Amino acid sequence: MPEAEREVEEAPAVEELLVEEVSIDGMCGVY
């Protein structure tokens, strides 16, 4: 099940990108 492992590894990266976008667009880079 290597595909499942890939999803788990990619999930944190996706979350970080979303956090960065929200901080820049919604919080003016406060994060």
PDB file of N, CA and C in Angstrom:
ATOM      1  N   MET A   1       0.846  -1.212   0.000  1.00  0.00           N
ATOM      2  CA  MET A   1       0.000   0.000   0.000  1.00  0.00           C
ATOM      3  C   MET A   1       0.880   1.259   0.000  1.00  0.00           C
ATOM      4  N   PRO A   2       1.800   1.382  -0.931  1.00  0.00           N
ATOM      5  CA  PRO A   2       2.672   2.569  -0.966  1.00  0.00           C
ATOM      6  C   PRO A   2       1.889   3.843  -1.233  1.00  0.00           C
ATOM      7  N   GLU A   3       0.781   3.743  -1.963  1.00  0.00           N
ATOM      8  CA  GLU A   3      -0.013   4.940  -2.274  1.00  0.00           C
ATOM      9  C   GLU A   3      -0.552   5.566  -0.992  1.00  0.00           C
ATOM     10  N   ALA A   4      -1.029   4.748  -0.073  1.00  0.00           N
ATOM     11  CA  ALA A   4      -1.583   5.276   1.182  1.00  0.00           C
ATOM     12  C   ALA A   4      -0.483   6.023   1.942  1.00  0.00           C
ATOM     13  N   GLU A   5       0.719   5.465   1.949  1.00  0.00           N
ATOM     14  CA  GLU A   5       1.822   6.123   2.659  1.00  0.00           C
ATOM     15  C   GLU A   5       2.132   7.472   2.012  1.00  0.00           C
ATOM     16  N   ARG A   6       2.057   7.533   0.694  1.00  0.00           N
ATOM     17  CA  ARG A   6       2.338   8.800   0.004  1.00  0.00           C
ATOM     18  C   ARG A   6       1.347   9.857   0.453  1.00  0.00           C
ATOM     19  N   GLU A   7       0.080   9.500   0.515  1.00  0.00           N
ATOM     20  CA  GLU A   7      -0.945  10.474   0.912  1.00  0.00           C
ATOM     21  C   GLU A   7      -0.643  11.010   2.311  1.00  0.00           C
ATOM     22  N   VAL A   8      -0.227  10.139   3.206  1.00  0.00           N
ATOM     23  CA  VAL A   8       0.060  10.572   4.579  1.00  0.00           C
ATOM     24  C   VAL A   8       1.240  11.542   4.576  1.00  0.00           C
ATOM     25  N   GLU A   9       2.235  11.263   3.737  1.00  0.00           N
ATOM     26  CA  GLU A   9       3.415  12.139   3.703  1.00  0.00           C
ATOM     27  C   GLU A   9       3.080  13.478   3.056  1.00  0.00           C
ATOM     28  N   GLU A  10       2.205  13.456   2.043  1.00  0.00           N
ATOM     29  CA  GLU A  10       1.873  14.696   1.331  1.00  0.00           C
ATOM     30  C   GLU A  10       0.929  15.568   2.146  1.00  0.00           C
ATOM     31  N   ALA A  11       0.114  14.966   2.986  1.00  0.00           N
ATOM     32  CA  ALA A  11      -0.905  15.723   3.726  1.00  0.00           C
ATOM     33  C   ALA A  11      -0.278  16.891   4.498  1.00  0.00           C
ATOM     34  N   PRO A  12       0.767  16.686   5.288  1.00  0.00           N
ATOM     35  CA  PRO A  12       1.352  17.788   6.062  1.00  0.00           C
ATOM     36  C   PRO A  12       1.809  18.933   5.151  1.00  0.00           C
ATOM     37  N   ALA A  13       2.401  18.604   4.014  1.00  0.00           N
ATOM     38  CA  ALA A  13       2.873  19.651   3.098  1.00  0.00           C
ATOM     39  C   ALA A  13       1.694  20.473   2.606  1.00  0.00           C
ATOM     40  N   VAL A  14       0.601  19.803   2.256  1.00  0.00           N
ATOM     41  CA  VAL A  14      -0.590  20.517   1.766  1.00  0.00           C
ATOM     42  C   VAL A  14      -1.121  21.424   2.863  1.00  0.00           C
ATOM     43  N   GLU A  15      -1.145  20.929   4.086  1.00  0.00           N
ATOM     44  CA  GLU A  15      -1.657  21.744   5.197  1.00  0.00           C
ATOM     45  C   GLU A  15      -0.780  22.986   5.371  1.00  0.00           C
ATOM     46  N   GLU A  16       0.524  22.827   5.252  1.00  0.00           N
ATOM     47  CA  GLU A  16       1.427  23.974   5.411  1.00  0.00           C
ATOM     48  C   GLU A  16       1.151  25.020   4.334  1.00  0.00           C
ATOM     49  N   LEU A  17       0.935  24.561   3.093  1.00  0.00           N
ATOM     50  CA  LEU A  17       0.660  25.516   2.011  1.00  0.00           C
ATOM     51  C   LEU A  17      -0.622  26.269   2.304  1.00  0.00           C
ATOM     52  N   LEU A  18      -1.647  25.552   2.773  1.00  0.00           N
ATOM     53  CA  LEU A  18      -2.927  26.208   3.064  1.00  0.00           C
ATOM     54  C   LEU A  18      -2.734  27.228   4.181  1.00  0.00           C
ATOM     55  N   VAL A  19      -1.973  26.873   5.199  1.00  0.00           N
ATOM     56  CA  VAL A  19      -1.749  27.791   6.324  1.00  0.00           C
ATOM     57  C   VAL A  19      -1.036  29.043   5.827  1.00  0.00           C
ATOM     58  N   GLU A  20      -0.048  28.853   4.963  1.00  0.00           N
ATOM     59  CA  GLU A  20       0.694  30.011   4.445  1.00  0.00           C
ATOM     60  C   GLU A  20      -0.230  30.916   3.647  1.00  0.00           C
ATOM     61  N   GLU A  21      -1.082  30.327   2.798  1.00  0.00           N
ATOM     62  CA  GLU A  21      -1.991  31.134   1.975  1.00  0.00           C
ATOM     63  C   GLU A  21      -2.964  31.897   2.863  1.00  0.00           C
ATOM     64  N   VAL A  22      -3.509  31.233   3.865  1.00  0.00           N
ATOM     65  CA  VAL A  22      -4.483  31.891   4.747  1.00  0.00           C
ATOM     66  C   VAL A  22      -3.801  33.015   5.516  1.00  0.00           C
ATOM     67  N   SER A  23      -2.589  32.768   6.003  1.00  0.00           N
ATOM     68  CA  SER A  23      -1.895  33.787   6.792  1.00  0.00           C
ATOM     69  C   SER A  23      -1.599  35.011   5.930  1.00  0.00           C
ATOM     70  N   ILE A  24      -1.224  34.785   4.683  1.00  0.00           N
ATOM     71  CA  ILE A  24      -0.871  35.912   3.806  1.00  0.00           C
ATOM     72  C   ILE A  24      -2.130  36.654   3.362  1.00  0.00           C
ATOM     73  N   ASP A  25      -3.162  35.907   2.941  1.00  0.00           N
ATOM     74  CA  ASP A  25      -4.363  36.551   2.397  1.00  0.00           C
ATOM     75  C   ASP A  25      -5.273  37.069   3.503  1.00  0.00           C
ATOM     76  N   GLY A  26      -5.441  36.304   4.568  1.00  0.00           N
ATOM     77  CA  GLY A  26      -6.436  36.658   5.583  1.00  0.00           C
ATOM     78  C   GLY A  26      -5.837  37.397   6.769  1.00  0.00           C
ATOM     79  N   MET A  27      -4.566  37.131   7.091  1.00  0.00           N
ATOM     80  CA  MET A  27      -3.983  37.720   8.297  1.00  0.00           C
ATOM     81  C   MET A  27      -2.808  38.636   7.948  1.00  0.00           C
ATOM     82  N   CYS A  28      -2.625  38.923   6.669  1.00  0.00           N
ATOM     83  CA  CYS A  28      -1.557  39.842   6.250  1.00  0.00           C
ATOM     84  C   CYS A  28      -0.195  39.367   6.740  1.00  0.00           C
ATOM     85  N   GLY A  29       0.043  38.059   6.762  1.00  0.00           N
ATOM     86  CA  GLY A  29       1.348  37.533   7.125  1.00  0.00           C
ATOM     87  C   GLY A  29       1.617  37.582   8.618  1.00  0.00           C
ATOM     88  N   VAL A  30       0.570  37.664   9.436  1.00  0.00           N
ATOM     89  CA  VAL A  30       0.786  37.688  10.889  1.00  0.00           C
ATOM     90  C   VAL A  30       1.433  36.385  11.320  1.00  0.00           C
ATOM     91  N   TYR A  31       1.030  35.278  10.664  1.00  0.00           N
ATOM     92  CA  TYR A  31       1.578  33.975  11.024  1.00  0.00           C
ATOM     93  C   TYR A  31       3.086  34.004  10.803  1.00  0.00           C
TER      94      TYR A  31
END
